Structures are given as structure tokens and as C-alpha cells.
ModelCIF file with pLDDT and N, C-alpha, C, O atoms, coordinates in Angstrom:
data_MODEL
#
_entry.id   MODEL 
#
_entity.id                         1 
_entity.type                       polymer 
_entity.pdbx_number_of_molecules   1 
#
_entity_poly.entity_id                      1 
_entity_poly.type                           'polypeptide(L)' 
_entity_poly.nstd_linkage                   no 
_entity_poly.nstd_monomer                   no 
_entity_poly.pdbx_seq_one_letter_code       TTFMFPGSTDTSAHDMSRTGTIVGEFNTGSAQRAFMVHSGG 
_entity_poly.pdbx_seq_one_letter_code_can   TTFMFPGSTDTSAHDMSRTGTIVGEFNTGSAQRAFMVHSGG 
_entity_poly.pdbx_strand_id                 A 
#
loop_
_entity_poly_seq.entity_id 
_entity_poly_seq.num 
_entity_poly_seq.mon_id 
_entity_poly_seq.hetero 
1 1  THR n 
1 2  THR n 
1 3  PHE n 
1 4  MET n 
1 5  PHE n 
1 6  PRO n 
1 7  GLY n 
1 8  SER n 
1 9  THR n 
1 10 ASP n 
1 11 THR n 
1 12 SER n 
1 13 ALA n 
1 14 HIS n 
1 15 ASP n 
1 16 MET n 
1 17 SER n 
1 18 ARG n 
1 19 THR n 
1 20 GLY n 
1 21 THR n 
1 22 ILE n 
1 23 VAL n 
1 24 GLY n 
1 25 GLU n 
1 26 PHE n 
1 27 ASN n 
1 28 THR n 
1 29 GLY n 
1 30 SER n 
1 31 ALA n 
1 32 GLN n 
1 33 ARG n 
1 34 ALA n 
1 35 PHE n 
1 36 MET n 
1 37 VAL n 
1 38 HIS n 
1 39 SER n 
1 40 GLY n 
1 41 GLY n 
#
_struct_asym.id          A 
_struct_asym.entity_id   1 
#
loop_
_ma_qa_metric.id 
_ma_qa_metric.mode 
_ma_qa_metric.name 
_ma_qa_metric.software_group_id 
_ma_qa_metric.type 
1 global pLDDT . pLDDT 
2 local  pLDDT . pLDDT 
#
_ma_qa_metric_global.metric_id      1 
_ma_qa_metric_global.metric_value   94.73 
_ma_qa_metric_global.model_id       1 
_ma_qa_metric_global.ordinal_id     1 
#
loop_
_ma_qa_metric_local.label_asym_id 
_ma_qa_metric_local.label_comp_id 
_ma_qa_metric_local.label_seq_id 
_ma_qa_metric_local.metric_id 
_ma_qa_metric_local.metric_value 
_ma_qa_metric_local.model_id 
_ma_qa_metric_local.ordinal_id 
A THR 1  2 92.00 1 1  
A THR 2  2 93.00 1 2  
A PHE 3  2 95.00 1 3  
A MET 4  2 96.00 1 4  
A PHE 5  2 97.00 1 5  
A PRO 6  2 97.00 1 6  
A GLY 7  2 96.00 1 7  
A SER 8  2 97.00 1 8  
A THR 9  2 96.00 1 9  
A ASP 10 2 97.00 1 10 
A THR 11 2 98.00 1 11 
A SER 12 2 97.00 1 12 
A ALA 13 2 96.00 1 13 
A HIS 14 2 96.00 1 14 
A ASP 15 2 96.00 1 15 
A MET 16 2 94.00 1 16 
A SER 17 2 94.00 1 17 
A ARG 18 2 90.00 1 18 
A THR 19 2 90.00 1 19 
A GLY 20 2 93.00 1 20 
A THR 21 2 96.00 1 21 
A ILE 22 2 97.00 1 22 
A VAL 23 2 98.00 1 23 
A GLY 24 2 98.00 1 24 
A GLU 25 2 98.00 1 25 
A PHE 26 2 98.00 1 26 
A ASN 27 2 97.00 1 27 
A THR 28 2 94.00 1 28 
A GLY 29 2 89.00 1 29 
A SER 30 2 89.00 1 30 
A ALA 31 2 91.00 1 31 
A GLN 32 2 96.00 1 32 
A ARG 33 2 98.00 1 33 
A ALA 34 2 98.00 1 34 
A PHE 35 2 98.00 1 35 
A MET 36 2 97.00 1 36 
A VAL 37 2 96.00 1 37 
A HIS 38 2 91.00 1 38 
A SER 39 2 86.00 1 39 
A GLY 40 2 84.00 1 40 
A GLY 41 2 95.00 1 41 
#
loop_
_atom_site.group_PDB 
_atom_site.id 
_atom_site.type_symbol 
_atom_site.label_atom_id 
_atom_site.label_alt_id 
_atom_site.label_comp_id 
_atom_site.label_asym_id 
_atom_site.label_entity_id 
_atom_site.label_seq_id 
_atom_site.pdbx_PDB_ins_code 
_atom_site.Cartn_x 
_atom_site.Cartn_y 
_atom_site.Cartn_z 
_atom_site.occupancy 
_atom_site.B_iso_or_equiv 
_atom_site.pdbx_formal_charge 
_atom_site.auth_seq_id 
_atom_site.auth_comp_id 
_atom_site.auth_asym_id 
_atom_site.auth_atom_id 
_atom_site.pdbx_PDB_model_num 
ATOM 1   N N  . THR A 1 1  ? -60.690 18.178 -57.084 1.00 92.00 ? 1  THR A N  1 
ATOM 2   C CA . THR A 1 1  ? -60.142 18.229 -55.517 1.00 92.00 ? 1  THR A CA 1 
ATOM 3   C C  . THR A 1 1  ? -58.999 18.866 -55.412 1.00 92.00 ? 1  THR A C  1 
ATOM 4   O O  . THR A 1 1  ? -58.232 18.437 -56.274 1.00 92.00 ? 1  THR A O  1 
ATOM 5   N N  . THR A 1 2  ? -58.546 19.636 -54.806 1.00 93.00 ? 2  THR A N  1 
ATOM 6   C CA . THR A 1 2  ? -57.216 20.086 -54.376 1.00 93.00 ? 2  THR A CA 1 
ATOM 7   C C  . THR A 1 2  ? -56.566 19.266 -53.226 1.00 93.00 ? 2  THR A C  1 
ATOM 8   O O  . THR A 1 2  ? -57.130 18.513 -52.432 1.00 93.00 ? 2  THR A O  1 
ATOM 9   N N  . PHE A 1 3  ? -55.420 19.544 -53.308 1.00 95.00 ? 3  PHE A N  1 
ATOM 10  C CA . PHE A 1 3  ? -54.461 18.967 -52.309 1.00 95.00 ? 3  PHE A CA 1 
ATOM 11  C C  . PHE A 1 3  ? -53.156 19.302 -52.313 1.00 95.00 ? 3  PHE A C  1 
ATOM 12  O O  . PHE A 1 3  ? -52.586 19.664 -53.343 1.00 95.00 ? 3  PHE A O  1 
ATOM 13  N N  . MET A 1 4  ? -52.387 19.178 -50.794 1.00 96.00 ? 4  MET A N  1 
ATOM 14  C CA . MET A 1 4  ? -51.423 19.676 -50.696 1.00 96.00 ? 4  MET A CA 1 
ATOM 15  C C  . MET A 1 4  ? -50.433 18.447 -50.047 1.00 96.00 ? 4  MET A C  1 
ATOM 16  O O  . MET A 1 4  ? -50.989 17.710 -49.233 1.00 96.00 ? 4  MET A O  1 
ATOM 17  N N  . PHE A 1 5  ? -49.310 18.238 -50.291 1.00 97.00 ? 5  PHE A N  1 
ATOM 18  C CA . PHE A 1 5  ? -48.342 17.071 -49.516 1.00 97.00 ? 5  PHE A CA 1 
ATOM 19  C C  . PHE A 1 5  ? -48.317 17.811 -48.131 1.00 97.00 ? 5  PHE A C  1 
ATOM 20  O O  . PHE A 1 5  ? -48.067 18.998 -47.924 1.00 97.00 ? 5  PHE A O  1 
ATOM 21  N N  . PRO A 1 6  ? -48.643 16.799 -47.213 1.00 97.00 ? 6  PRO A N  1 
ATOM 22  C CA . PRO A 1 6  ? -48.417 17.460 -45.776 1.00 97.00 ? 6  PRO A CA 1 
ATOM 23  C C  . PRO A 1 6  ? -47.316 17.925 -45.216 1.00 97.00 ? 6  PRO A C  1 
ATOM 24  O O  . PRO A 1 6  ? -46.242 17.325 -45.197 1.00 97.00 ? 6  PRO A O  1 
ATOM 25  N N  . GLY A 1 7  ? -47.575 19.202 -44.655 1.00 96.00 ? 7  GLY A N  1 
ATOM 26  C CA . GLY A 1 7  ? -46.604 20.044 -44.129 1.00 96.00 ? 7  GLY A CA 1 
ATOM 27  C C  . GLY A 1 7  ? -45.850 20.632 -45.164 1.00 96.00 ? 7  GLY A C  1 
ATOM 28  O O  . GLY A 1 7  ? -44.813 21.133 -44.730 1.00 96.00 ? 7  GLY A O  1 
ATOM 29  N N  . SER A 1 8  ? -46.000 20.743 -46.336 1.00 97.00 ? 8  SER A N  1 
ATOM 30  C CA . SER A 1 8  ? -45.751 21.577 -47.169 1.00 97.00 ? 8  SER A CA 1 
ATOM 31  C C  . SER A 1 8  ? -45.865 22.912 -47.178 1.00 97.00 ? 8  SER A C  1 
ATOM 32  O O  . SER A 1 8  ? -46.379 23.350 -46.149 1.00 97.00 ? 8  SER A O  1 
ATOM 33  N N  . THR A 1 9  ? -45.518 23.843 -48.108 1.00 96.00 ? 9  THR A N  1 
ATOM 34  C CA . THR A 1 9  ? -45.522 25.184 -48.262 1.00 96.00 ? 9  THR A CA 1 
ATOM 35  C C  . THR A 1 9  ? -46.273 25.524 -49.798 1.00 96.00 ? 9  THR A C  1 
ATOM 36  O O  . THR A 1 9  ? -46.968 26.500 -50.079 1.00 96.00 ? 9  THR A O  1 
ATOM 37  N N  . ASP A 1 10 ? -45.899 24.429 -50.627 1.00 97.00 ? 10 ASP A N  1 
ATOM 38  C CA . ASP A 1 10 ? -46.002 24.436 -52.048 1.00 97.00 ? 10 ASP A CA 1 
ATOM 39  C C  . ASP A 1 10 ? -46.115 23.086 -52.511 1.00 97.00 ? 10 ASP A C  1 
ATOM 40  O O  . ASP A 1 10 ? -45.210 22.313 -52.194 1.00 97.00 ? 10 ASP A O  1 
ATOM 41  N N  . THR A 1 11 ? -47.097 22.655 -53.227 1.00 98.00 ? 11 THR A N  1 
ATOM 42  C CA . THR A 1 11 ? -47.357 21.337 -54.118 1.00 98.00 ? 11 THR A CA 1 
ATOM 43  C C  . THR A 1 11 ? -47.336 21.653 -55.550 1.00 98.00 ? 11 THR A C  1 
ATOM 44  O O  . THR A 1 11 ? -47.811 22.719 -55.943 1.00 98.00 ? 11 THR A O  1 
ATOM 45  N N  . SER A 1 12 ? -46.828 20.819 -56.340 1.00 97.00 ? 12 SER A N  1 
ATOM 46  C CA . SER A 1 12 ? -46.806 20.882 -57.813 1.00 97.00 ? 12 SER A CA 1 
ATOM 47  C C  . SER A 1 12 ? -47.316 19.288 -58.186 1.00 97.00 ? 12 SER A C  1 
ATOM 48  O O  . SER A 1 12 ? -46.760 18.269 -57.778 1.00 97.00 ? 12 SER A O  1 
ATOM 49  N N  . ALA A 1 13 ? -48.283 19.336 -58.894 1.00 96.00 ? 13 ALA A N  1 
ATOM 50  C CA . ALA A 1 13 ? -48.485 17.976 -59.622 1.00 96.00 ? 13 ALA A CA 1 
ATOM 51  C C  . ALA A 1 13 ? -48.296 17.532 -60.987 1.00 96.00 ? 13 ALA A C  1 
ATOM 52  O O  . ALA A 1 13 ? -49.176 18.026 -61.693 1.00 96.00 ? 13 ALA A O  1 
ATOM 53  N N  . HIS A 1 14 ? -47.703 16.984 -61.474 1.00 96.00 ? 14 HIS A N  1 
ATOM 54  C CA . HIS A 1 14 ? -46.951 16.996 -62.992 1.00 96.00 ? 14 HIS A CA 1 
ATOM 55  C C  . HIS A 1 14 ? -47.783 15.796 -63.909 1.00 96.00 ? 14 HIS A C  1 
ATOM 56  O O  . HIS A 1 14 ? -48.049 15.950 -65.101 1.00 96.00 ? 14 HIS A O  1 
ATOM 57  N N  . ASP A 1 15 ? -48.095 14.726 -63.213 1.00 96.00 ? 15 ASP A N  1 
ATOM 58  C CA . ASP A 1 15 ? -48.749 13.575 -64.051 1.00 96.00 ? 15 ASP A CA 1 
ATOM 59  C C  . ASP A 1 15 ? -49.193 12.448 -63.244 1.00 96.00 ? 15 ASP A C  1 
ATOM 60  O O  . ASP A 1 15 ? -48.908 12.184 -62.076 1.00 96.00 ? 15 ASP A O  1 
ATOM 61  N N  . MET A 1 16 ? -50.038 11.746 -64.174 1.00 94.00 ? 16 MET A N  1 
ATOM 62  C CA . MET A 1 16 ? -50.872 10.936 -63.454 1.00 94.00 ? 16 MET A CA 1 
ATOM 63  C C  . MET A 1 16 ? -51.236 9.727  -64.244 1.00 94.00 ? 16 MET A C  1 
ATOM 64  O O  . MET A 1 16 ? -51.559 9.825  -65.428 1.00 94.00 ? 16 MET A O  1 
ATOM 65  N N  . SER A 1 17 ? -51.182 8.375  -63.495 1.00 94.00 ? 17 SER A N  1 
ATOM 66  C CA . SER A 1 17 ? -51.150 7.071  -64.209 1.00 94.00 ? 17 SER A CA 1 
ATOM 67  C C  . SER A 1 17 ? -52.736 6.942  -64.319 1.00 94.00 ? 17 SER A C  1 
ATOM 68  O O  . SER A 1 17 ? -53.536 7.434  -63.523 1.00 94.00 ? 17 SER A O  1 
ATOM 69  N N  . ARG A 1 18 ? -53.047 6.176  -65.473 1.00 90.00 ? 18 ARG A N  1 
ATOM 70  C CA . ARG A 1 18 ? -54.384 5.459  -65.577 1.00 90.00 ? 18 ARG A CA 1 
ATOM 71  C C  . ARG A 1 18 ? -55.060 4.947  -64.329 1.00 90.00 ? 18 ARG A C  1 
ATOM 72  O O  . ARG A 1 18 ? -56.212 5.207  -63.980 1.00 90.00 ? 18 ARG A O  1 
ATOM 73  N N  . THR A 1 19 ? -54.223 4.216  -63.731 1.00 90.00 ? 19 THR A N  1 
ATOM 74  C CA . THR A 1 19 ? -54.140 3.630  -62.237 1.00 90.00 ? 19 THR A CA 1 
ATOM 75  C C  . THR A 1 19 ? -54.547 4.667  -61.045 1.00 90.00 ? 19 THR A C  1 
ATOM 76  O O  . THR A 1 19 ? -55.156 4.336  -60.028 1.00 90.00 ? 19 THR A O  1 
ATOM 77  N N  . GLY A 1 20 ? -54.083 6.029  -61.370 1.00 93.00 ? 20 GLY A N  1 
ATOM 78  C CA . GLY A 1 20 ? -54.582 6.827  -60.218 1.00 93.00 ? 20 GLY A CA 1 
ATOM 79  C C  . GLY A 1 20 ? -53.289 7.352  -59.628 1.00 93.00 ? 20 GLY A C  1 
ATOM 80  O O  . GLY A 1 20 ? -53.269 8.331  -58.883 1.00 93.00 ? 20 GLY A O  1 
ATOM 81  N N  . THR A 1 21 ? -52.339 6.752  -59.942 1.00 96.00 ? 21 THR A N  1 
ATOM 82  C CA . THR A 1 21 ? -51.112 7.597  -59.041 1.00 96.00 ? 21 THR A CA 1 
ATOM 83  C C  . THR A 1 21 ? -50.793 8.882  -59.804 1.00 96.00 ? 21 THR A C  1 
ATOM 84  O O  . THR A 1 21 ? -50.761 9.127  -61.010 1.00 96.00 ? 21 THR A O  1 
ATOM 85  N N  . ILE A 1 22 ? -50.560 9.648  -58.682 1.00 97.00 ? 22 ILE A N  1 
ATOM 86  C CA . ILE A 1 22 ? -49.909 11.126 -59.090 1.00 97.00 ? 22 ILE A CA 1 
ATOM 87  C C  . ILE A 1 22 ? -48.529 11.408 -58.762 1.00 97.00 ? 22 ILE A C  1 
ATOM 88  O O  . ILE A 1 22 ? -48.076 10.815 -57.782 1.00 97.00 ? 22 ILE A O  1 
ATOM 89  N N  . VAL A 1 23 ? -47.915 12.052 -59.277 1.00 98.00 ? 23 VAL A N  1 
ATOM 90  C CA . VAL A 1 23 ? -46.507 12.441 -59.335 1.00 98.00 ? 23 VAL A CA 1 
ATOM 91  C C  . VAL A 1 23 ? -46.346 14.113 -59.130 1.00 98.00 ? 23 VAL A C  1 
ATOM 92  O O  . VAL A 1 23 ? -47.198 14.883 -59.573 1.00 98.00 ? 23 VAL A O  1 
ATOM 93  N N  . GLY A 1 24 ? -45.258 14.533 -58.472 1.00 98.00 ? 24 GLY A N  1 
ATOM 94  C CA . GLY A 1 24 ? -44.843 15.958 -58.604 1.00 98.00 ? 24 GLY A CA 1 
ATOM 95  C C  . GLY A 1 24 ? -43.742 16.291 -57.653 1.00 98.00 ? 24 GLY A C  1 
ATOM 96  O O  . GLY A 1 24 ? -42.809 15.496 -57.538 1.00 98.00 ? 24 GLY A O  1 
ATOM 97  N N  . GLU A 1 25 ? -43.769 17.358 -56.986 1.00 98.00 ? 25 GLU A N  1 
ATOM 98  C CA . GLU A 1 25 ? -42.882 17.969 -56.125 1.00 98.00 ? 25 GLU A CA 1 
ATOM 99  C C  . GLU A 1 25 ? -43.444 18.573 -54.944 1.00 98.00 ? 25 GLU A C  1 
ATOM 100 O O  . GLU A 1 25 ? -44.615 18.927 -55.084 1.00 98.00 ? 25 GLU A O  1 
ATOM 101 N N  . PHE A 1 26 ? -42.866 18.807 -53.700 1.00 98.00 ? 26 PHE A N  1 
ATOM 102 C CA . PHE A 1 26 ? -43.206 19.795 -52.547 1.00 98.00 ? 26 PHE A CA 1 
ATOM 103 C C  . PHE A 1 26 ? -42.050 20.550 -52.341 1.00 98.00 ? 26 PHE A C  1 
ATOM 104 O O  . PHE A 1 26 ? -40.934 20.280 -52.786 1.00 98.00 ? 26 PHE A O  1 
ATOM 105 N N  . ASN A 1 27 ? -42.430 21.728 -51.491 1.00 97.00 ? 27 ASN A N  1 
ATOM 106 C CA . ASN A 1 27 ? -41.608 22.546 -50.859 1.00 97.00 ? 27 ASN A CA 1 
ATOM 107 C C  . ASN A 1 27 ? -42.073 22.638 -49.284 1.00 97.00 ? 27 ASN A C  1 
ATOM 108 O O  . ASN A 1 27 ? -43.207 22.617 -48.805 1.00 97.00 ? 27 ASN A O  1 
ATOM 109 N N  . THR A 1 28 ? -40.913 22.738 -48.715 1.00 94.00 ? 28 THR A N  1 
ATOM 110 C CA . THR A 1 28 ? -41.268 22.986 -47.158 1.00 94.00 ? 28 THR A CA 1 
ATOM 111 C C  . THR A 1 28 ? -40.771 24.414 -46.814 1.00 94.00 ? 28 THR A C  1 
ATOM 112 O O  . THR A 1 28 ? -40.953 24.988 -45.741 1.00 94.00 ? 28 THR A O  1 
ATOM 113 N N  . GLY A 1 29 ? -40.149 24.869 -47.841 1.00 89.00 ? 29 GLY A N  1 
ATOM 114 C CA . GLY A 1 29 ? -39.465 26.030 -47.740 1.00 89.00 ? 29 GLY A CA 1 
ATOM 115 C C  . GLY A 1 29 ? -38.154 25.980 -47.379 1.00 89.00 ? 29 GLY A C  1 
ATOM 116 O O  . GLY A 1 29 ? -37.482 27.003 -47.248 1.00 89.00 ? 29 GLY A O  1 
ATOM 117 N N  . SER A 1 30 ? -37.722 24.861 -47.203 1.00 89.00 ? 30 SER A N  1 
ATOM 118 C CA . SER A 1 30 ? -36.042 24.835 -46.871 1.00 89.00 ? 30 SER A CA 1 
ATOM 119 C C  . SER A 1 30 ? -35.663 23.206 -48.070 1.00 89.00 ? 30 SER A C  1 
ATOM 120 O O  . SER A 1 30 ? -34.563 22.715 -48.328 1.00 89.00 ? 30 SER A O  1 
ATOM 121 N N  . ALA A 1 31 ? -36.613 22.904 -48.399 1.00 91.00 ? 31 ALA A N  1 
ATOM 122 C CA . ALA A 1 31 ? -36.223 21.610 -49.155 1.00 91.00 ? 31 ALA A CA 1 
ATOM 123 C C  . ALA A 1 31 ? -37.199 21.355 -50.206 1.00 91.00 ? 31 ALA A C  1 
ATOM 124 O O  . ALA A 1 31 ? -38.389 21.558 -49.965 1.00 91.00 ? 31 ALA A O  1 
ATOM 125 N N  . GLN A 1 32 ? -36.823 20.933 -51.343 1.00 96.00 ? 32 GLN A N  1 
ATOM 126 C CA . GLN A 1 32 ? -37.587 20.457 -52.395 1.00 96.00 ? 32 GLN A CA 1 
ATOM 127 C C  . GLN A 1 32 ? -37.520 19.030 -53.023 1.00 96.00 ? 32 GLN A C  1 
ATOM 128 O O  . GLN A 1 32 ? -36.501 18.564 -53.533 1.00 96.00 ? 32 GLN A O  1 
ATOM 129 N N  . ARG A 1 33 ? -39.160 18.153 -52.892 1.00 98.00 ? 33 ARG A N  1 
ATOM 130 C CA . ARG A 1 33 ? -38.680 16.903 -52.952 1.00 98.00 ? 33 ARG A CA 1 
ATOM 131 C C  . ARG A 1 33 ? -39.779 16.365 -53.746 1.00 98.00 ? 33 ARG A C  1 
ATOM 132 O O  . ARG A 1 33 ? -40.879 16.917 -53.715 1.00 98.00 ? 33 ARG A O  1 
ATOM 133 N N  . ALA A 1 34 ? -39.566 15.348 -54.440 1.00 98.00 ? 34 ALA A N  1 
ATOM 134 C CA . ALA A 1 34 ? -40.504 14.541 -55.200 1.00 98.00 ? 34 ALA A CA 1 
ATOM 135 C C  . ALA A 1 34 ? -41.473 13.879 -54.507 1.00 98.00 ? 34 ALA A C  1 
ATOM 136 O O  . ALA A 1 34 ? -40.950 13.365 -53.518 1.00 98.00 ? 34 ALA A O  1 
ATOM 137 N N  . PHE A 1 35 ? -42.882 13.603 -54.575 1.00 98.00 ? 35 PHE A N  1 
ATOM 138 C CA . PHE A 1 35 ? -43.578 12.699 -54.021 1.00 98.00 ? 35 PHE A CA 1 
ATOM 139 C C  . PHE A 1 35 ? -44.345 11.848 -54.922 1.00 98.00 ? 35 PHE A C  1 
ATOM 140 O O  . PHE A 1 35 ? -44.180 11.989 -56.134 1.00 98.00 ? 35 PHE A O  1 
ATOM 141 N N  . MET A 1 36 ? -45.231 10.912 -54.438 1.00 97.00 ? 36 MET A N  1 
ATOM 142 C CA . MET A 1 36 ? -46.343 10.334 -55.142 1.00 97.00 ? 36 MET A CA 1 
ATOM 143 C C  . MET A 1 36 ? -47.450 10.078 -54.277 1.00 97.00 ? 36 MET A C  1 
ATOM 144 O O  . MET A 1 36 ? -47.244 9.624  -53.151 1.00 97.00 ? 36 MET A O  1 
ATOM 145 N N  . VAL A 1 37 ? -48.768 10.356 -54.746 1.00 96.00 ? 37 VAL A N  1 
ATOM 146 C CA . VAL A 1 37 ? -49.793 9.898  -54.299 1.00 96.00 ? 37 VAL A CA 1 
ATOM 147 C C  . VAL A 1 37 ? -50.395 8.589  -54.900 1.00 96.00 ? 37 VAL A C  1 
ATOM 148 O O  . VAL A 1 37 ? -50.345 8.314  -56.099 1.00 96.00 ? 37 VAL A O  1 
ATOM 149 N N  . HIS A 1 38 ? -50.989 7.785  -53.903 1.00 91.00 ? 38 HIS A N  1 
ATOM 150 C CA . HIS A 1 38 ? -51.463 6.403  -54.421 1.00 91.00 ? 38 HIS A CA 1 
ATOM 151 C C  . HIS A 1 38 ? -52.471 6.194  -53.537 1.00 91.00 ? 38 HIS A C  1 
ATOM 152 O O  . HIS A 1 38 ? -52.280 6.430  -52.344 1.00 91.00 ? 38 HIS A O  1 
ATOM 153 N N  . SER A 1 39 ? -53.864 5.654  -54.063 1.00 86.00 ? 39 SER A N  1 
ATOM 154 C CA . SER A 1 39 ? -54.648 5.228  -53.045 1.00 86.00 ? 39 SER A CA 1 
ATOM 155 C C  . SER A 1 39 ? -54.872 6.353  -52.152 1.00 86.00 ? 39 SER A C  1 
ATOM 156 O O  . SER A 1 39 ? -55.113 5.833  -51.063 1.00 86.00 ? 39 SER A O  1 
ATOM 157 N N  . GLY A 1 40 ? -54.916 7.440  -52.047 1.00 84.00 ? 40 GLY A N  1 
ATOM 158 C CA . GLY A 1 40 ? -55.210 8.540  -50.970 1.00 84.00 ? 40 GLY A CA 1 
ATOM 159 C C  . GLY A 1 40 ? -54.130 8.659  -50.052 1.00 84.00 ? 40 GLY A C  1 
ATOM 160 O O  . GLY A 1 40 ? -54.291 9.259  -48.990 1.00 84.00 ? 40 GLY A O  1 
ATOM 161 N N  . GLY A 1 41 ? -52.823 8.036  -50.428 1.00 95.00 ? 41 GLY A N  1 
ATOM 162 C CA . GLY A 1 41 ? -51.780 8.125  -49.136 1.00 95.00 ? 41 GLY A CA 1 
ATOM 163 C C  . GLY A 1 41 ? -50.688 8.915  -50.042 1.00 95.00 ? 41 GLY A C  1 
ATOM 164 O O  . GLY A 1 41 ? -49.615 9.265  -49.550 1.00 95.00 ? 41 GLY A O  1 
#
């Protein structure tokens, strides 16, 4: 399954917990921010 943070130009995923939480970073072209994906959100 591939995914992008909504509205981002680039998304990188770095880790995932056993319970399904994914963390990484996204870039909008002007800002770089950390993100979390949990339960599909």
C-alpha cells in the first residue's frame, strides 16, 4: 500500500510500531514537518 500525506509533494516513512502507528516526514515544497498515521488517519 502506498501513501502520501494529504497535500504533500513528498512523503517519507521511517518507522512503524507493532500496533500500526507509522511516523515520518512530509514536505509541501515550502515546509518540512513530522507526521503520524494511526488507524488510517
